[in-house]
Amino acid sequence: MAGKSTYMRQVALITLMAQIGSFVPAKRAKIGVVDKIFTRVRSLR
């Protein structure tokens, strides 16, 4: 798992965590207000 979808999933999770006030694994992060997160992640078989 090292493709584009992996990075998209990580960014979506970090953005969601930042919105609810949780820990963000970065020295500094400036994330604006987000109302929707769209990612395209295929299922693994």
N, C-alpha and C. Protein backbone atom coordinates (compact mmCIF):
# COMPACT_ATOMS: atom_id res chain seq x y z
N MET A 1 0.83 -1.19 0.00
CA MET A 1 0.00 0.00 0.00
C MET A 1 0.87 1.25 0.00
N ALA A 2 1.25 1.71 -1.14
CA ALA A 2 2.06 2.92 -1.20
C ALA A 2 1.69 3.77 -2.41
N GLY A 3 0.45 3.69 -2.83
CA GLY A 3 0.03 4.45 -3.99
C GLY A 3 -0.60 5.78 -3.61
N LYS A 4 -1.21 6.42 -4.60
CA LYS A 4 -1.85 7.72 -4.37
C LYS A 4 -3.00 7.62 -3.39
N SER A 5 -3.75 6.53 -3.44
CA SER A 5 -4.91 6.41 -2.56
C SER A 5 -4.50 6.36 -1.09
N THR A 6 -3.32 5.81 -0.81
CA THR A 6 -2.83 5.77 0.56
C THR A 6 -2.58 7.17 1.08
N TYR A 7 -1.96 8.00 0.26
CA TYR A 7 -1.69 9.38 0.68
C TYR A 7 -2.98 10.18 0.79
N MET A 8 -3.93 9.94 -0.10
CA MET A 8 -5.22 10.63 -0.03
C MET A 8 -5.94 10.26 1.26
N ARG A 9 -5.88 8.98 1.64
CA ARG A 9 -6.53 8.53 2.87
C ARG A 9 -5.87 9.16 4.09
N GLN A 10 -4.54 9.25 4.09
CA GLN A 10 -3.83 9.86 5.22
C GLN A 10 -4.18 11.33 5.35
N VAL A 11 -4.21 12.05 4.25
CA VAL A 11 -4.54 13.47 4.28
C VAL A 11 -5.97 13.68 4.77
N ALA A 12 -6.89 12.84 4.31
CA ALA A 12 -8.28 12.95 4.74
C ALA A 12 -8.41 12.70 6.24
N LEU A 13 -7.73 11.70 6.76
CA LEU A 13 -7.80 11.41 8.19
C LEU A 13 -7.17 12.50 9.03
N ILE A 14 -6.03 13.03 8.59
CA ILE A 14 -5.37 14.12 9.33
C ILE A 14 -6.23 15.36 9.32
N THR A 15 -6.86 15.66 8.19
CA THR A 15 -7.75 16.82 8.10
C THR A 15 -8.94 16.65 9.04
N LEU A 16 -9.53 15.48 9.04
CA LEU A 16 -10.66 15.21 9.93
C LEU A 16 -10.25 15.32 11.39
N MET A 17 -9.10 14.78 11.74
CA MET A 17 -8.60 14.86 13.11
C MET A 17 -8.36 16.31 13.54
N ALA A 18 -7.82 17.11 12.63
CA ALA A 18 -7.56 18.52 12.94
C ALA A 18 -8.86 19.27 13.16
N GLN A 19 -9.90 18.94 12.40
CA GLN A 19 -11.18 19.63 12.53
C GLN A 19 -11.84 19.38 13.89
N ILE A 20 -11.64 18.19 14.45
CA ILE A 20 -12.27 17.89 15.74
C ILE A 20 -11.35 18.22 16.91
N GLY A 21 -10.16 18.74 16.62
CA GLY A 21 -9.25 19.17 17.68
C GLY A 21 -8.32 18.11 18.21
N SER A 22 -8.16 17.03 17.49
CA SER A 22 -7.26 15.96 17.92
C SER A 22 -5.82 16.27 17.54
N PHE A 23 -4.94 15.39 17.96
CA PHE A 23 -3.51 15.51 17.65
C PHE A 23 -3.29 15.36 16.15
N VAL A 24 -2.45 16.23 15.61
CA VAL A 24 -2.06 16.16 14.20
C VAL A 24 -0.57 15.89 14.16
N PRO A 25 -0.13 14.82 13.50
CA PRO A 25 1.30 14.44 13.51
C PRO A 25 2.15 15.36 12.63
N ALA A 26 2.34 16.59 13.09
CA ALA A 26 3.16 17.55 12.34
C ALA A 26 3.68 18.60 13.33
N LYS A 27 4.81 19.20 12.98
CA LYS A 27 5.33 20.27 13.82
C LYS A 27 4.43 21.49 13.74
N ARG A 28 3.90 21.74 12.54
CA ARG A 28 3.01 22.88 12.34
C ARG A 28 2.03 22.53 11.24
N ALA A 29 0.77 22.88 11.44
CA ALA A 29 -0.24 22.60 10.42
C ALA A 29 -1.23 23.76 10.38
N LYS A 30 -1.50 24.23 9.19
CA LYS A 30 -2.50 25.28 9.00
C LYS A 30 -3.56 24.71 8.07
N ILE A 31 -4.66 24.26 8.66
CA ILE A 31 -5.73 23.60 7.91
C ILE A 31 -6.99 24.44 8.07
N GLY A 32 -7.54 24.89 6.98
CA GLY A 32 -8.75 25.69 7.01
C GLY A 32 -9.98 24.86 7.33
N VAL A 33 -11.12 25.52 7.39
CA VAL A 33 -12.38 24.84 7.68
C VAL A 33 -12.78 23.99 6.47
N VAL A 34 -13.13 22.75 6.74
CA VAL A 34 -13.50 21.80 5.68
C VAL A 34 -14.90 21.27 6.00
N ASP A 35 -15.78 21.28 4.99
CA ASP A 35 -17.12 20.74 5.22
C ASP A 35 -17.34 19.40 4.54
N LYS A 36 -16.52 19.06 3.57
CA LYS A 36 -16.64 17.76 2.89
C LYS A 36 -15.25 17.23 2.56
N ILE A 37 -15.11 15.93 2.64
CA ILE A 37 -13.86 15.26 2.25
C ILE A 37 -14.22 14.24 1.19
N PHE A 38 -13.67 14.39 0.01
CA PHE A 38 -13.91 13.46 -1.08
C PHE A 38 -12.63 12.69 -1.37
N THR A 39 -12.68 11.40 -1.23
CA THR A 39 -11.55 10.54 -1.60
C THR A 39 -12.09 9.35 -2.37
N ARG A 40 -11.28 8.86 -3.23
CA ARG A 40 -11.63 7.68 -4.01
C ARG A 40 -10.67 6.57 -3.61
N VAL A 41 -11.13 5.67 -2.81
CA VAL A 41 -10.29 4.58 -2.31
C VAL A 41 -10.94 3.27 -2.74
N ARG A 42 -10.22 2.49 -3.51
CA ARG A 42 -10.77 1.21 -3.97
C ARG A 42 -10.58 0.14 -2.90
N SER A 43 -11.40 -0.86 -2.95
CA SER A 43 -11.30 -1.95 -1.99
C SER A 43 -10.24 -2.95 -2.46
N LEU A 44 -9.59 -3.55 -1.48
CA LEU A 44 -8.58 -4.56 -1.78
C LEU A 44 -9.21 -5.93 -1.70
N ARG A 45 -8.85 -6.80 -2.63
CA ARG A 45 -9.41 -8.16 -2.65
C ARG A 45 -8.38 -9.16 -2.31
